[in-house]
Amino acid sequence: QVQLVESGGGLVQAGGSLRLSCTTSGGTFSRYRMGWFRQAPGKEREFVARISPSGSTYYTDSVKGRFTISRDNAKNTVYLQMNSLKPEDTAVYYCAADTPPLNFVYEWWGQGTQVTVSL
């Protein structure tokens, strides 16, 4: 059983920044691929970014150059630094864990944190 708790969401003006955190408990965090996803009102959940156990990262095109995913294995935490935020980034953001055998199936999810970007 893996528990994930997100924090750091809030209301920010366009062009501003936020840093989301996701702290996990249960299992061995350093072995997980961690992902961030988001769901805007009326839309399907979409992939945002991921980080492998080795630290390699991948982003969806719409956030490249603006968002940075990172991890601190000592703190069992993954971060999403979001800069140059746009109104279209408004969504509930979720972190998720893909545990071994790391088959890109995210078995564990957090409860989500709301990010609202105003004009």
Protein backbone atom coordinates (compact mmCIF):
# COMPACT_ATOMS: atom_id res chain seq x y z
CA GLN A 1 0.00 0.00 0.00
CA VAL A 2 1.40 3.36 -1.08
CA GLN A 3 -0.05 6.66 0.07
CA LEU A 4 0.55 9.93 -1.77
CA VAL A 5 -0.26 13.39 -0.45
CA GLU A 6 0.00 16.47 -2.67
CA SER A 7 0.40 20.02 -1.45
CA GLY A 8 1.33 23.44 -2.76
CA GLY A 9 -1.60 24.28 -4.96
CA GLY A 10 -3.34 27.63 -4.85
CA LEU A 11 -4.35 30.74 -6.74
CA VAL A 12 -1.70 32.60 -8.73
CA GLN A 13 -1.71 35.27 -11.40
CA ALA A 14 -0.65 34.50 -14.93
CA GLY A 15 3.13 34.58 -15.20
CA GLY A 16 3.55 33.50 -11.60
CA SER A 17 5.02 30.35 -10.09
CA LEU A 18 3.99 27.54 -7.80
CA ARG A 19 5.77 24.47 -6.51
CA LEU A 20 3.78 21.34 -5.92
CA SER A 21 4.98 18.61 -3.59
CA CYS A 22 3.93 15.00 -3.32
CA THR A 23 5.09 13.00 -0.34
CA THR A 24 4.72 9.25 -0.33
CA SER A 25 4.64 6.62 2.37
CA GLY A 26 4.73 2.86 2.10
CA GLY A 27 7.10 0.92 -0.09
CA THR A 28 10.43 2.08 -1.52
CA PHE A 29 10.06 5.51 -3.09
CA SER A 30 13.47 5.44 -4.77
CA ARG A 31 12.33 2.55 -6.96
CA TYR A 32 9.21 4.28 -8.27
CA ARG A 33 8.63 6.19 -11.45
CA MET A 34 6.67 9.25 -10.36
CA GLY A 35 4.29 11.21 -12.50
CA TRP A 36 2.26 14.39 -12.39
CA PHE A 37 -1.10 14.58 -14.12
CA ARG A 38 -3.81 17.22 -14.26
CA GLN A 39 -7.50 17.45 -14.96
CA ALA A 40 -9.20 20.66 -15.95
CA PRO A 41 -12.97 21.14 -15.58
CA GLY A 42 -14.84 19.29 -18.29
CA LYS A 43 -11.68 17.68 -19.65
CA GLU A 44 -10.01 14.33 -19.34
CA ARG A 45 -7.02 13.83 -17.10
CA GLU A 46 -3.78 14.42 -18.94
CA PHE A 47 -0.14 13.59 -18.39
CA VAL A 48 2.14 16.47 -17.37
CA ALA A 49 5.56 15.10 -16.42
CA ARG A 50 7.36 12.08 -15.09
CA ILE A 51 10.66 11.20 -13.46
CA SER A 52 12.29 7.80 -13.40
CA PRO A 53 14.14 6.23 -10.49
CA SER A 54 17.38 7.26 -12.18
CA GLY A 55 16.20 10.87 -12.47
CA SER A 56 15.47 11.03 -16.17
CA THR A 57 12.52 13.26 -16.97
CA TYR A 58 9.88 13.66 -19.63
CA TYR A 59 7.30 16.40 -20.19
CA THR A 60 4.25 17.00 -22.25
CA ASP A 61 4.91 19.61 -24.91
CA SER A 62 2.68 22.29 -23.41
CA VAL A 63 4.79 22.58 -20.25
CA LYS A 64 8.31 22.11 -21.62
CA GLY A 65 10.57 24.95 -20.58
CA ARG A 66 8.12 26.11 -17.91
CA PHE A 67 7.71 23.14 -15.54
CA THR A 68 10.42 21.09 -13.84
CA ILE A 69 9.90 17.78 -12.12
CA SER A 70 12.39 16.63 -9.50
CA ARG A 71 12.65 14.17 -6.66
CA ASP A 72 14.24 13.89 -3.25
CA ASN A 73 14.52 10.24 -2.35
CA ALA A 74 15.64 11.06 1.19
CA LYS A 75 12.32 12.82 1.73
CA ASN A 76 10.19 10.42 -0.34
CA THR A 77 8.97 13.46 -2.22
CA VAL A 78 8.51 14.49 -5.82
CA TYR A 79 8.15 18.13 -6.82
CA LEU A 80 6.70 20.02 -9.74
CA GLN A 81 8.08 23.53 -10.11
CA MET A 82 5.72 25.50 -12.32
CA ASN A 83 6.88 28.81 -13.76
CA SER A 84 5.33 31.22 -16.26
CA LEU A 85 1.91 29.87 -15.42
CA LYS A 86 -0.94 30.40 -17.85
CA PRO A 87 -4.71 30.34 -17.30
CA GLU A 88 -4.82 27.11 -19.29
CA ASP A 89 -2.71 25.46 -16.60
CA THR A 90 -5.69 25.70 -14.25
CA ALA A 91 -6.57 22.18 -13.13
CA VAL A 92 -6.49 19.72 -10.29
CA TYR A 93 -2.98 18.29 -10.22
CA TYR A 94 -2.38 14.71 -9.18
CA CYS A 95 0.80 12.81 -8.47
CA ALA A 96 1.00 9.11 -9.12
CA ALA A 97 3.41 6.24 -8.56
CA ASP A 98 4.41 3.53 -11.01
CA THR A 99 5.99 0.78 -8.93
CA PRO A 100 8.20 -2.11 -10.09
CA PRO A 101 8.16 -3.64 -12.67
CA LEU A 102 7.72 -0.04 -13.94
CA ASN A 103 5.36 -0.72 -16.80
CA PHE A 104 3.96 2.83 -17.05
CA VAL A 105 0.87 1.80 -15.14
CA TYR A 106 0.39 4.25 -12.28
CA GLU A 107 -1.13 2.13 -9.56
CA TRP A 108 -1.22 4.70 -6.77
CA TRP A 109 -2.65 8.22 -6.85
CA GLY A 110 -2.88 11.18 -4.55
CA GLN A 111 -6.05 13.11 -3.81
CA GLY A 112 -5.10 16.08 -5.96
CA THR A 113 -4.35 19.73 -5.35
CA GLN A 114 -6.09 22.62 -7.09
CA VAL A 115 -4.08 25.09 -9.16
CA THR A 116 -5.90 28.17 -10.40
CA VAL A 117 -4.21 30.69 -12.66
CA SER A 118 -5.98 34.01 -13.09
CA LEU A 119 -5.46 36.65 -15.77
